[in-house]
Amino acid sequence: MNNLKFKERVFGIVRQIPAGKTMSYSEAAKLAGNPKAYRAVGNIIHDSPSDVPCHQVVSKPGKLAVNFDKGGIEKQRELLEKGGVVIKKI
């Protein structure tokens, strides 16, 4: 699978995360067809369009992304809580 196709798959998967839910980088990578590409998923969503709810993607143990580029970890927390996600870990 080429990089552009993988990127579009990741965007499509992340767009489908229901409100109030999260998904790990590794889950997104697996659903996109490359289970070992969880770091690539992080890089891809780091520069995602505004219609991709990248704040709903978290680390495997459910922790927030310390390098969330759209306002930092507190912004990610705020967006998740607005969407109905209960934050247990940062």
N, C-alpha and C. Protein backbone atom coordinates (compact mmCIF):
# COMPACT_ATOMS: atom_id res chain seq x y z
N MET A 1 0.85 -1.17 0.00
CA MET A 1 0.00 0.00 0.00
C MET A 1 0.90 1.24 0.00
N ASN A 2 0.58 2.20 -0.87
CA ASN A 2 1.43 3.39 -0.90
C ASN A 2 1.07 4.34 0.24
N ASN A 3 1.97 5.28 0.49
CA ASN A 3 1.81 6.19 1.63
C ASN A 3 0.56 7.05 1.55
N LEU A 4 0.24 7.54 0.36
CA LEU A 4 -0.94 8.39 0.20
C LEU A 4 -2.21 7.61 0.50
N LYS A 5 -2.27 6.38 0.02
CA LYS A 5 -3.44 5.54 0.27
C LYS A 5 -3.58 5.25 1.77
N PHE A 6 -2.47 4.96 2.44
CA PHE A 6 -2.50 4.70 3.88
C PHE A 6 -2.96 5.95 4.63
N LYS A 7 -2.45 7.09 4.23
CA LYS A 7 -2.83 8.36 4.86
C LYS A 7 -4.33 8.60 4.73
N GLU A 8 -4.88 8.40 3.56
CA GLU A 8 -6.31 8.60 3.34
C GLU A 8 -7.14 7.60 4.14
N ARG A 9 -6.63 6.37 4.26
CA ARG A 9 -7.33 5.38 5.09
C ARG A 9 -7.35 5.81 6.55
N VAL A 10 -6.23 6.30 7.03
CA VAL A 10 -6.16 6.76 8.42
C VAL A 10 -7.15 7.90 8.64
N PHE A 11 -7.17 8.88 7.76
CA PHE A 11 -8.12 9.98 7.89
C PHE A 11 -9.56 9.46 7.91
N GLY A 12 -9.88 8.54 7.02
CA GLY A 12 -11.22 7.97 6.97
C GLY A 12 -11.60 7.25 8.24
N ILE A 13 -10.67 6.51 8.80
CA ILE A 13 -10.91 5.77 10.05
C ILE A 13 -11.13 6.73 11.20
N VAL A 14 -10.27 7.72 11.31
CA VAL A 14 -10.37 8.68 12.42
C VAL A 14 -11.67 9.48 12.30
N ARG A 15 -12.08 9.80 11.09
CA ARG A 15 -13.35 10.52 10.91
C ARG A 15 -14.55 9.71 11.41
N GLN A 16 -14.41 8.40 11.46
CA GLN A 16 -15.52 7.53 11.86
C GLN A 16 -15.57 7.24 13.36
N ILE A 17 -14.63 7.76 14.12
CA ILE A 17 -14.67 7.54 15.57
C ILE A 17 -15.90 8.26 16.11
N PRO A 18 -16.78 7.53 16.78
CA PRO A 18 -18.00 8.17 17.31
C PRO A 18 -17.68 9.19 18.40
N ALA A 19 -18.54 10.19 18.51
CA ALA A 19 -18.40 11.16 19.60
C ALA A 19 -18.43 10.41 20.92
N GLY A 20 -17.60 10.86 21.85
CA GLY A 20 -17.55 10.22 23.16
C GLY A 20 -16.65 9.01 23.22
N LYS A 21 -16.01 8.67 22.11
CA LYS A 21 -15.12 7.50 22.04
C LYS A 21 -13.73 7.93 21.61
N THR A 22 -12.75 7.09 21.91
CA THR A 22 -11.38 7.30 21.46
C THR A 22 -10.89 6.04 20.77
N MET A 23 -9.75 6.17 20.13
CA MET A 23 -9.10 5.05 19.47
C MET A 23 -7.60 5.22 19.65
N SER A 24 -6.89 4.13 19.81
CA SER A 24 -5.44 4.22 19.96
C SER A 24 -4.78 4.32 18.58
N TYR A 25 -3.55 4.81 18.59
CA TYR A 25 -2.77 4.87 17.36
C TYR A 25 -2.63 3.48 16.75
N SER A 26 -2.41 2.48 17.60
CA SER A 26 -2.23 1.12 17.09
C SER A 26 -3.53 0.55 16.52
N GLU A 27 -4.67 0.88 17.12
CA GLU A 27 -5.96 0.44 16.56
C GLU A 27 -6.18 1.06 15.19
N ALA A 28 -5.89 2.34 15.07
CA ALA A 28 -6.05 3.02 13.78
C ALA A 28 -5.13 2.41 12.73
N ALA A 29 -3.89 2.11 13.11
CA ALA A 29 -2.94 1.50 12.18
C ALA A 29 -3.44 0.14 11.71
N LYS A 30 -3.94 -0.65 12.64
CA LYS A 30 -4.46 -1.98 12.30
C LYS A 30 -5.64 -1.87 11.34
N LEU A 31 -6.58 -0.99 11.65
CA LEU A 31 -7.74 -0.81 10.78
C LEU A 31 -7.36 -0.27 9.40
N ALA A 32 -6.27 0.50 9.34
CA ALA A 32 -5.81 1.06 8.07
C ALA A 32 -5.00 0.05 7.26
N GLY A 33 -4.73 -1.12 7.84
CA GLY A 33 -4.07 -2.17 7.09
C GLY A 33 -2.61 -2.39 7.39
N ASN A 34 -2.05 -1.69 8.37
CA ASN A 34 -0.65 -1.87 8.73
C ASN A 34 -0.49 -1.76 10.25
N PRO A 35 -0.69 -2.87 10.98
CA PRO A 35 -0.69 -2.83 12.44
C PRO A 35 0.59 -2.29 13.08
N LYS A 36 1.69 -2.37 12.38
CA LYS A 36 2.96 -1.90 12.94
C LYS A 36 3.21 -0.41 12.69
N ALA A 37 2.30 0.24 12.00
CA ALA A 37 2.52 1.63 11.59
C ALA A 37 1.88 2.64 12.54
N TYR A 38 1.83 2.32 13.83
CA TYR A 38 1.19 3.24 14.79
C TYR A 38 1.92 4.57 14.89
N ARG A 39 3.22 4.58 14.73
CA ARG A 39 3.95 5.86 14.75
C ARG A 39 3.64 6.68 13.50
N ALA A 40 3.49 5.99 12.39
CA ALA A 40 3.11 6.68 11.15
C ALA A 40 1.73 7.32 11.31
N VAL A 41 0.82 6.63 12.00
CA VAL A 41 -0.51 7.20 12.26
C VAL A 41 -0.36 8.50 13.03
N GLY A 42 0.49 8.51 14.04
CA GLY A 42 0.73 9.73 14.81
C GLY A 42 1.24 10.86 13.93
N ASN A 43 2.17 10.55 13.05
CA ASN A 43 2.70 11.57 12.14
C ASN A 43 1.63 12.06 11.17
N ILE A 44 0.82 11.14 10.70
CA ILE A 44 -0.23 11.50 9.74
C ILE A 44 -1.26 12.42 10.38
N ILE A 45 -1.76 12.06 11.55
CA ILE A 45 -2.81 12.89 12.15
C ILE A 45 -2.25 14.18 12.74
N HIS A 46 -0.95 14.23 12.93
CA HIS A 46 -0.31 15.45 13.42
C HIS A 46 -0.58 16.62 12.48
N ASP A 47 -0.73 16.30 11.21
CA ASP A 47 -0.94 17.33 10.18
C ASP A 47 -2.27 17.08 9.45
N SER A 48 -3.31 16.77 10.20
CA SER A 48 -4.58 16.41 9.58
C SER A 48 -5.45 17.62 9.29
N PRO A 49 -6.36 17.48 8.31
CA PRO A 49 -7.31 18.56 8.03
C PRO A 49 -8.24 18.78 9.23
N SER A 50 -8.90 19.91 9.27
CA SER A 50 -9.73 20.26 10.42
C SER A 50 -10.94 19.34 10.60
N ASP A 51 -11.35 18.63 9.56
CA ASP A 51 -12.50 17.73 9.70
C ASP A 51 -12.12 16.35 10.24
N VAL A 52 -10.85 16.14 10.54
CA VAL A 52 -10.39 14.88 11.12
C VAL A 52 -10.25 15.09 12.63
N PRO A 53 -11.04 14.39 13.44
CA PRO A 53 -11.01 14.60 14.89
C PRO A 53 -9.79 13.92 15.54
N CYS A 54 -8.62 14.45 15.22
CA CYS A 54 -7.37 13.84 15.68
C CYS A 54 -7.27 13.80 17.20
N HIS A 55 -8.01 14.67 17.89
CA HIS A 55 -7.98 14.67 19.36
C HIS A 55 -8.55 13.38 19.95
N GLN A 56 -9.27 12.60 19.15
CA GLN A 56 -9.86 11.36 19.63
C GLN A 56 -8.90 10.18 19.53
N VAL A 57 -7.70 10.42 19.04
CA VAL A 57 -6.70 9.35 18.96
C VAL A 57 -5.74 9.53 20.13
N VAL A 58 -5.59 8.46 20.90
CA VAL A 58 -4.79 8.48 22.13
C VAL A 58 -3.79 7.33 22.11
N SER A 59 -2.89 7.32 23.08
CA SER A 59 -1.92 6.23 23.15
C SER A 59 -2.62 4.94 23.58
N LYS A 60 -1.96 3.83 23.38
CA LYS A 60 -2.56 2.52 23.65
C LYS A 60 -3.07 2.38 25.09
N PRO A 61 -2.33 2.83 26.09
CA PRO A 61 -2.89 2.70 27.44
C PRO A 61 -3.99 3.72 27.74
N GLY A 62 -4.40 4.49 26.75
CA GLY A 62 -5.48 5.45 26.94
C GLY A 62 -5.03 6.83 27.40
N LYS A 63 -3.74 7.06 27.38
CA LYS A 63 -3.22 8.37 27.79
C LYS A 63 -3.34 9.38 26.66
N LEU A 64 -3.46 10.64 27.04
CA LEU A 64 -3.52 11.71 26.05
C LEU A 64 -2.16 11.90 25.40
N ALA A 65 -2.17 12.51 24.22
CA ALA A 65 -0.93 12.72 23.47
C ALA A 65 -0.20 13.94 24.01
N VAL A 66 0.96 13.71 24.58
CA VAL A 66 1.73 14.83 25.15
C VAL A 66 2.18 15.82 24.09
N ASN A 67 2.20 15.38 22.84
CA ASN A 67 2.63 16.26 21.75
C ASN A 67 1.46 16.64 20.84
N PHE A 68 0.25 16.69 21.38
CA PHE A 68 -0.92 17.09 20.59
C PHE A 68 -0.66 18.48 20.04
N ASP A 69 -0.57 18.57 18.73
CA ASP A 69 -0.10 19.81 18.09
C ASP A 69 -1.17 20.88 17.89
N LYS A 70 -2.39 20.59 18.18
CA LYS A 70 -3.45 21.56 17.94
C LYS A 70 -3.88 22.22 19.25
N GLY A 71 -2.90 22.58 20.07
CA GLY A 71 -3.20 23.28 21.31
C GLY A 71 -2.65 22.63 22.56
N GLY A 72 -1.92 21.55 22.41
CA GLY A 72 -1.32 20.89 23.56
C GLY A 72 -2.27 19.93 24.26
N ILE A 73 -1.74 19.28 25.27
CA ILE A 73 -2.47 18.24 25.98
C ILE A 73 -3.74 18.76 26.65
N GLU A 74 -3.71 19.98 27.14
CA GLU A 74 -4.90 20.55 27.78
C GLU A 74 -6.01 20.80 26.75
N LYS A 75 -5.64 21.19 25.54
CA LYS A 75 -6.64 21.38 24.48
C LYS A 75 -7.24 20.04 24.09
N GLN A 76 -6.41 19.00 24.01
CA GLN A 76 -6.93 17.68 23.69
C GLN A 76 -7.92 17.23 24.77
N ARG A 77 -7.54 17.44 26.00
CA ARG A 77 -8.43 17.08 27.12
C ARG A 77 -9.76 17.84 27.00
N GLU A 78 -9.68 19.13 26.75
CA GLU A 78 -10.88 19.96 26.62
C GLU A 78 -11.80 19.45 25.50
N LEU A 79 -11.22 19.16 24.34
CA LEU A 79 -12.00 18.68 23.21
C LEU A 79 -12.65 17.33 23.50
N LEU A 80 -11.90 16.44 24.14
CA LEU A 80 -12.45 15.13 24.48
C LEU A 80 -13.58 15.25 25.49
N GLU A 81 -13.38 16.06 26.51
CA GLU A 81 -14.43 16.23 27.53
C GLU A 81 -15.69 16.86 26.94
N LYS A 82 -15.52 17.81 26.02
CA LYS A 82 -16.67 18.40 25.33
C LYS A 82 -17.44 17.34 24.54
N GLY A 83 -16.70 16.35 24.03
CA GLY A 83 -17.31 15.28 23.26
C GLY A 83 -17.86 14.15 24.11
N GLY A 84 -17.73 14.26 25.42
CA GLY A 84 -18.30 13.25 26.31
C GLY A 84 -17.35 12.17 26.78
N VAL A 85 -16.06 12.32 26.49
CA VAL A 85 -15.08 11.33 26.94
C VAL A 85 -14.69 11.64 28.38
N VAL A 86 -14.70 10.63 29.22
CA VAL A 86 -14.26 10.78 30.61
C VAL A 86 -12.76 10.52 30.64
N ILE A 87 -12.00 11.51 31.08
CA ILE A 87 -10.54 11.40 31.11
C ILE A 87 -10.11 10.77 32.43
N LYS A 88 -9.37 9.66 32.33
CA LYS A 88 -8.88 8.98 33.52
C LYS A 88 -7.37 9.16 33.69
N LYS A 89 -6.67 9.29 32.55
CA LYS A 89 -5.21 9.42 32.56
C LYS A 89 -4.80 10.55 31.64
N ILE A 90 -3.65 11.15 31.97
CA ILE A 90 -3.06 12.14 31.05
C ILE A 90 -1.72 11.62 30.62
